[in-house]
Amino acid sequence: MPSDWQNRGVSSADPPEPADHAPGLAVAAVARRLGVAPATLRTWDRRYGLGPSQHEAGAHRRYTAQDVGRLLVMRRLTVDGLAPSDAARVALGAPPDESARLLGADRSPQAVVDAALAADADRLAALLRLGDEEDAVAWWTGLVAPARDQLRLRTVLDRPGQDAVLSLQQAVVEAVRRLTAERHRHPAGGVVLLQAPPGAPRPLVLHAVAAAVPQVDARLVSGPVIGRHLVELAAMTRARAVVTVCERVGDDLSLVGELAAERPDLPQLVMVPPEDFGRVPLGPAVQRARSAAGLIHELRAVLATDAAGNP
């Protein structure tokens, strides 16, 4: 019985029942969910009539689920390159559909978990969409990481062909891919290499780190990296910094020391569990971090300092 499973910490993969009545949303909330600036929504309202339709006496107008569904159509079409005026005509003519349901729930870790358990890829994509003006640190620490941690603590009965954890990972990677694909990258921004220790699975947080540094071309290293390979990669790409994220206690950190010995001037940022903080090889440009937020803060500072010293 699903209700018993929930009480025992076991989750079925059946989707939750949607609420019959969802309260209207303010412009700021809708902007966060769509990944656009509130000013953009006001412009779409003024120019194209894609505004909030819910109104109560003495209160600001609110966006209904149908309004949000039309805005989602508008957002997707403009991202795909359609002129805003043409996209608006399509959005206004589009009947309310599944798009309204996708964004009808609160954008919360629990909503993300529910969508992952239901293997609802479209809903996950809508909930995890990362806007260009959105802070990637807040997105990771306030939404993605708590949802991931909740899933790790639950015993899940996935159906064949479903994987709640994998669904979440894929949605996060796709959100970052969409964001970085929309950015205009410049070669002068340089390259940052992001990696896991040899033999360790690549942490999902590396994608959040990549999204948090839009001024550079972040590259995630995959496949075996041994011996002088990392030194050669750093030289070949002219990397401005190398980031190593270790989520398991006792993983091999020797590459950090080898790179520091060969390139003592190259900034390295290393995130490890608290138990391994003292195991990080030291070097003139090696910095240690205990959290994703701290790592990103230090990386941004390194890049800003480097850019100021090397115009």
Protein backbone atom coordinates (compact mmCIF):
# COMPACT_ATOMS: atom_id res chain seq x y z
CA MET A 1 0.00 0.00 0.00
CA PRO A 2 1.60 3.30 -1.06
CA SER A 3 0.48 5.12 2.08
CA ASP A 4 2.28 2.56 4.26
CA TRP A 5 5.42 2.89 2.12
CA GLN A 6 5.43 6.63 2.61
CA ASN A 7 5.09 6.21 6.40
CA ARG A 8 8.05 3.84 6.41
CA GLY A 9 10.26 6.09 4.28
CA VAL A 10 9.64 4.10 1.08
CA SER A 11 8.41 6.01 -1.97
CA SER A 12 6.41 4.70 -4.89
CA ALA A 13 7.03 6.12 -8.35
CA ASP A 14 3.40 7.15 -8.88
CA PRO A 15 2.97 10.89 -9.58
CA PRO A 16 1.26 13.00 -6.91
CA GLU A 17 -2.26 14.16 -7.48
CA PRO A 18 -2.30 17.77 -8.74
CA ALA A 19 -3.99 20.37 -6.62
CA ASP A 20 -7.45 21.37 -7.80
CA HIS A 21 -6.90 25.04 -7.14
CA ALA A 22 -3.51 26.74 -7.29
CA PRO A 23 -3.16 30.27 -5.91
CA GLY A 24 -2.14 33.01 -8.30
CA LEU A 25 1.54 33.88 -8.54
CA ALA A 26 3.24 37.26 -8.30
CA VAL A 27 5.51 38.48 -11.08
CA ALA A 28 8.69 37.77 -9.09
CA ALA A 29 7.71 34.15 -8.50
CA VAL A 30 6.86 33.57 -12.16
CA ALA A 31 10.11 35.23 -13.24
CA ARG A 32 12.12 32.84 -11.05
CA ARG A 33 10.33 29.81 -12.42
CA LEU A 34 10.80 30.79 -16.05
CA GLY A 35 14.35 32.05 -15.57
CA VAL A 36 13.68 35.55 -16.88
CA ALA A 37 13.87 39.00 -15.32
CA PRO A 38 10.64 40.49 -13.88
CA ALA A 39 11.14 43.41 -16.28
CA THR A 40 10.88 40.95 -19.17
CA LEU A 41 7.49 39.74 -17.96
CA ARG A 42 6.26 43.32 -17.63
CA THR A 43 7.42 44.01 -21.18
CA TRP A 44 5.62 40.92 -22.48
CA ASP A 45 2.50 42.08 -20.65
CA ARG A 46 2.67 45.64 -22.00
CA ARG A 47 3.62 44.80 -25.59
CA TYR A 48 1.92 41.49 -26.25
CA GLY A 49 -0.82 41.09 -23.63
CA LEU A 50 0.84 38.13 -21.93
CA GLY A 51 0.07 39.38 -18.45
CA PRO A 52 -1.59 38.10 -15.29
CA SER A 53 -5.32 37.50 -15.56
CA GLN A 54 -6.25 36.83 -11.94
CA HIS A 55 -7.46 39.91 -10.10
CA GLU A 56 -8.95 40.46 -6.65
CA ALA A 57 -10.21 43.76 -5.35
CA GLY A 58 -7.49 45.70 -3.55
CA ALA A 59 -4.72 43.33 -4.63
CA HIS A 60 -2.16 43.14 -7.42
CA ARG A 61 -3.00 41.01 -10.44
CA ARG A 62 -1.73 37.44 -10.24
CA TYR A 63 -0.64 34.88 -12.83
CA THR A 64 -2.80 31.78 -13.09
CA ALA A 65 -1.54 28.35 -14.15
CA GLN A 66 -2.85 29.07 -17.67
CA ASP A 67 -0.98 32.38 -17.76
CA VAL A 68 2.23 30.61 -16.75
CA GLY A 69 1.65 27.94 -19.38
CA ARG A 70 1.44 30.59 -22.11
CA LEU A 71 4.55 32.31 -20.77
CA LEU A 72 6.40 29.00 -20.85
CA VAL A 73 5.52 28.68 -24.53
CA MET A 74 6.75 32.26 -25.08
CA ARG A 75 10.00 31.55 -23.26
CA ARG A 76 10.72 28.35 -25.17
CA LEU A 77 10.03 29.90 -28.57
CA THR A 78 12.19 32.98 -27.95
CA VAL A 79 15.04 30.77 -26.69
CA ASP A 80 14.73 28.81 -29.95
CA GLY A 81 15.22 32.05 -31.89
CA LEU A 82 11.67 33.04 -32.84
CA ALA A 83 11.00 36.79 -32.83
CA PRO A 84 9.17 37.85 -29.64
CA SER A 85 6.18 39.23 -31.57
CA ASP A 86 5.75 35.93 -33.44
CA ALA A 87 6.32 33.90 -30.28
CA ALA A 88 3.65 35.93 -28.49
CA ARG A 89 1.10 35.23 -31.22
CA VAL A 90 1.75 31.52 -30.88
CA ALA A 91 1.64 31.65 -27.08
CA LEU A 92 -1.65 33.59 -27.01
CA GLY A 93 -3.21 31.15 -29.46
CA ALA A 94 -1.96 28.07 -27.63
CA PRO A 95 -4.67 26.30 -25.61
CA PRO A 96 -3.90 25.64 -21.94
CA ASP A 97 -2.01 22.37 -21.88
CA GLU A 98 0.47 20.40 -19.86
CA SER A 99 2.72 23.46 -19.63
CA ALA A 100 0.42 24.99 -17.05
CA ARG A 101 0.61 21.91 -14.88
CA LEU A 102 4.38 21.75 -15.12
CA LEU A 103 4.82 25.03 -13.30
CA GLY A 104 1.69 24.87 -11.18
CA ALA A 105 3.50 23.42 -8.14
CA ASP A 106 5.87 25.30 -5.89
CA ARG A 107 9.47 25.34 -7.05
CA SER A 108 10.81 23.56 -4.00
CA PRO A 109 13.11 20.60 -3.26
CA GLN A 110 10.06 18.50 -2.43
CA ALA A 111 8.46 19.32 -5.80
CA VAL A 112 11.69 18.28 -7.51
CA VAL A 113 11.76 15.01 -5.55
CA ASP A 114 8.14 14.29 -6.45
CA ALA A 115 8.82 14.88 -10.15
CA ALA A 116 11.91 12.64 -10.03
CA LEU A 117 9.98 9.85 -8.31
CA ALA A 118 7.29 10.13 -10.98
CA ALA A 119 9.93 10.11 -13.76
CA ASP A 120 8.27 13.28 -15.05
CA ALA A 121 11.06 14.68 -17.23
CA ASP A 122 9.06 17.68 -18.45
CA ARG A 123 8.10 18.76 -14.96
CA LEU A 124 11.67 18.30 -13.74
CA ALA A 125 12.95 20.44 -16.61
CA ALA A 126 10.49 23.21 -15.74
CA LEU A 127 11.29 23.12 -12.03
CA LEU A 128 15.06 23.06 -12.52
CA ARG A 129 15.29 25.57 -15.39
CA LEU A 130 18.20 27.87 -14.60
CA GLY A 131 17.70 31.43 -15.82
CA ASP A 132 20.56 33.55 -17.06
CA GLU A 133 19.90 36.09 -14.28
CA GLU A 134 19.54 33.41 -11.61
CA ASP A 135 22.29 32.86 -9.07
CA ALA A 136 23.68 29.36 -9.68
CA VAL A 137 24.86 29.13 -6.07
CA ALA A 138 21.35 29.73 -4.70
CA TRP A 139 19.94 27.34 -7.33
CA TRP A 140 22.30 24.60 -6.19
CA THR A 141 22.23 25.14 -2.43
CA GLY A 142 18.54 25.96 -2.14
CA LEU A 143 16.99 23.61 -4.69
CA VAL A 144 19.18 20.97 -6.30
CA ALA A 145 21.35 19.82 -3.38
CA PRO A 146 18.43 19.52 -0.90
CA ALA A 147 16.42 17.52 -3.45
CA ARG A 148 19.40 15.26 -4.13
CA ASP A 149 19.95 14.75 -0.40
CA GLN A 150 16.28 13.91 0.15
CA LEU A 151 16.43 11.27 -2.57
CA ARG A 152 19.57 9.77 -1.05
CA LEU A 153 17.75 9.25 2.26
CA ARG A 154 14.73 7.52 0.77
CA THR A 155 14.16 3.93 -0.18
CA VAL A 156 12.61 4.15 -3.63
CA LEU A 157 10.72 1.46 -5.51
CA ASP A 158 11.43 2.45 -9.10
CA ARG A 159 9.66 0.69 -11.93
CA PRO A 160 11.86 -0.95 -14.60
CA GLY A 161 13.29 1.71 -16.85
CA GLN A 162 12.92 4.41 -14.20
CA ASP A 163 15.65 5.82 -11.95
CA ALA A 164 14.71 8.77 -9.74
CA VAL A 165 18.30 9.74 -8.96
CA LEU A 166 19.34 9.48 -12.59
CA SER A 167 16.29 11.51 -13.68
CA LEU A 168 17.32 14.31 -11.33
CA GLN A 169 20.92 14.21 -12.53
CA GLN A 170 19.88 14.35 -16.18
CA ALA A 171 17.56 17.29 -15.53
CA VAL A 172 20.31 19.23 -13.73
CA VAL A 173 22.81 18.58 -16.53
CA GLU A 174 20.25 19.64 -19.15
CA ALA A 175 19.45 22.84 -17.23
CA VAL A 176 23.13 23.79 -17.19
CA ARG A 177 23.54 22.85 -20.85
CA ARG A 178 20.64 25.09 -21.85
CA LEU A 179 22.04 27.97 -19.83
CA THR A 180 25.59 27.74 -21.14
CA ALA A 181 24.40 27.20 -24.71
CA GLU A 182 22.63 30.56 -24.58
CA ARG A 183 25.69 32.46 -23.37
CA HIS A 184 28.01 34.31 -25.70
CA ARG A 185 31.45 32.99 -24.91
CA HIS A 186 34.61 34.85 -25.81
CA PRO A 187 38.04 33.19 -26.15
CA ALA A 188 39.52 35.94 -23.99
CA GLY A 189 37.51 34.56 -21.07
CA GLY A 190 39.83 31.59 -20.86
CA VAL A 191 39.23 28.03 -19.71
CA VAL A 192 38.60 26.49 -16.30
CA LEU A 193 39.05 22.72 -15.93
CA LEU A 194 36.66 20.87 -13.59
CA GLN A 195 37.41 17.33 -12.48
CA ALA A 196 36.97 14.56 -9.93
CA PRO A 197 39.88 12.57 -8.45
CA PRO A 198 41.08 9.56 -10.48
CA GLY A 199 38.64 6.66 -10.24
CA ALA A 200 35.92 8.72 -8.58
CA PRO A 201 32.52 9.40 -10.16
CA ARG A 202 32.15 12.92 -11.50
CA PRO A 203 30.16 14.92 -8.93
CA LEU A 204 26.96 16.59 -10.06
CA VAL A 205 28.05 19.80 -8.33
CA LEU A 206 30.70 20.36 -11.02
CA HIS A 207 27.89 21.32 -13.39
CA ALA A 208 26.68 23.92 -10.90
CA VAL A 209 30.22 25.29 -10.65
CA ALA A 210 30.34 25.59 -14.44
CA ALA A 211 27.04 27.50 -14.45
CA ALA A 212 28.32 29.88 -11.76
CA VAL A 213 31.26 31.24 -13.80
CA PRO A 214 29.75 32.61 -17.02
CA GLN A 215 32.81 34.67 -17.92
CA VAL A 216 34.92 31.62 -18.76
CA ASP A 217 34.67 28.43 -20.79
CA ALA A 218 34.25 25.75 -18.12
CA ARG A 219 35.23 22.25 -19.25
CA LEU A 220 34.45 19.06 -17.31
CA VAL A 221 37.25 16.52 -17.57
CA SER A 222 36.13 12.91 -18.10
CA GLY A 223 37.97 9.65 -18.67
CA PRO A 224 41.24 8.60 -17.07
CA VAL A 225 43.62 11.37 -16.03
CA ILE A 226 46.95 10.01 -14.80
CA GLY A 227 50.54 11.14 -14.38
CA ARG A 228 51.36 14.26 -16.35
CA HIS A 229 48.08 14.19 -18.26
CA LEU A 230 46.50 16.93 -16.14
CA VAL A 231 49.61 19.09 -16.52
CA GLU A 232 49.40 18.64 -20.29
CA LEU A 233 45.67 19.41 -20.37
CA ALA A 234 46.20 22.59 -18.37
CA ALA A 235 48.98 23.68 -20.74
CA MET A 236 47.05 22.76 -23.89
CA THR A 237 43.92 24.68 -22.85
CA ARG A 238 45.84 27.53 -21.19
CA ALA A 239 43.64 26.98 -18.17
CA ARG A 240 43.17 29.87 -15.79
CA ALA A 241 42.25 27.53 -12.92
CA VAL A 242 41.71 23.87 -12.14
CA VAL A 243 38.91 22.73 -9.83
CA THR A 244 38.91 19.31 -8.15
CA VAL A 245 35.83 18.14 -6.26
CA CYS A 246 36.06 15.06 -4.05
CA GLU A 247 32.88 13.79 -2.36
CA ARG A 248 34.30 10.57 -0.89
CA VAL A 249 36.71 10.24 2.01
CA GLY A 250 40.09 8.81 1.03
CA ASP A 251 40.03 9.48 -2.73
CA ASP A 252 43.36 9.98 -4.51
CA LEU A 253 44.44 13.64 -4.43
CA SER A 254 47.95 13.11 -5.77
CA LEU A 255 47.17 14.89 -9.07
CA VAL A 256 46.66 18.11 -7.12
CA GLY A 257 50.20 17.83 -5.76
CA GLU A 258 51.69 16.89 -9.14
CA LEU A 259 50.08 19.86 -10.85
CA ALA A 260 51.15 22.19 -8.04
CA ALA A 261 54.75 21.00 -8.39
CA GLU A 262 54.77 21.52 -12.18
CA ARG A 263 52.64 24.68 -12.25
CA PRO A 264 52.95 26.39 -8.85
CA ASP A 265 51.45 29.58 -10.30
CA LEU A 266 48.26 27.92 -11.61
CA PRO A 267 45.31 28.40 -9.22
CA GLN A 268 43.81 25.16 -7.96
CA LEU A 269 40.64 24.95 -5.92
CA VAL A 270 39.95 21.69 -4.11
CA MET A 271 36.72 20.73 -2.34
CA VAL A 272 36.91 17.69 -0.06
CA PRO A 273 34.94 16.21 2.86
CA PRO A 274 35.93 17.71 6.24
CA GLU A 275 37.79 14.52 7.18
CA ASP A 276 40.16 14.97 4.23
CA PHE A 277 40.83 18.67 4.60
CA GLY A 278 44.34 18.02 5.89
CA ARG A 279 45.11 15.59 3.05
CA VAL A 280 44.94 18.21 0.30
CA PRO A 281 48.47 18.71 -1.10
CA LEU A 282 49.61 22.24 -0.43
CA GLY A 283 51.05 24.67 -2.93
CA PRO A 284 51.38 28.43 -3.44
CA ALA A 285 48.16 28.59 -5.48
CA VAL A 286 46.18 25.71 -3.95
CA GLN A 287 43.04 26.70 -2.06
CA ARG A 288 40.77 24.37 -0.10
CA ALA A 289 36.98 24.60 0.27
CA ARG A 290 34.50 22.74 2.44
CA SER A 291 31.32 23.58 0.49
CA ALA A 292 30.12 24.27 -3.02
CA ALA A 293 29.25 27.85 -2.12
CA GLY A 294 32.72 28.42 -0.69
CA LEU A 295 34.36 26.83 -3.72
CA ILE A 296 32.44 29.01 -6.15
CA HIS A 297 33.15 32.13 -4.10
CA GLU A 298 36.89 31.42 -4.17
CA LEU A 299 36.84 30.57 -7.89
CA ARG A 300 35.07 33.80 -8.73
CA ALA A 301 37.61 35.73 -6.66
CA VAL A 302 40.52 34.00 -8.44
CA LEU A 303 39.06 34.76 -11.87
CA ALA A 304 38.33 38.38 -10.95
CA THR A 305 41.87 38.87 -9.61
CA ASP A 306 43.41 37.23 -12.65
CA ALA A 307 41.32 39.35 -15.01
CA ALA A 308 42.31 42.53 -13.16
CA GLY A 309 45.99 41.63 -13.32
CA ASN A 310 45.84 40.43 -16.92
CA PRO A 311 43.56 42.76 -18.90
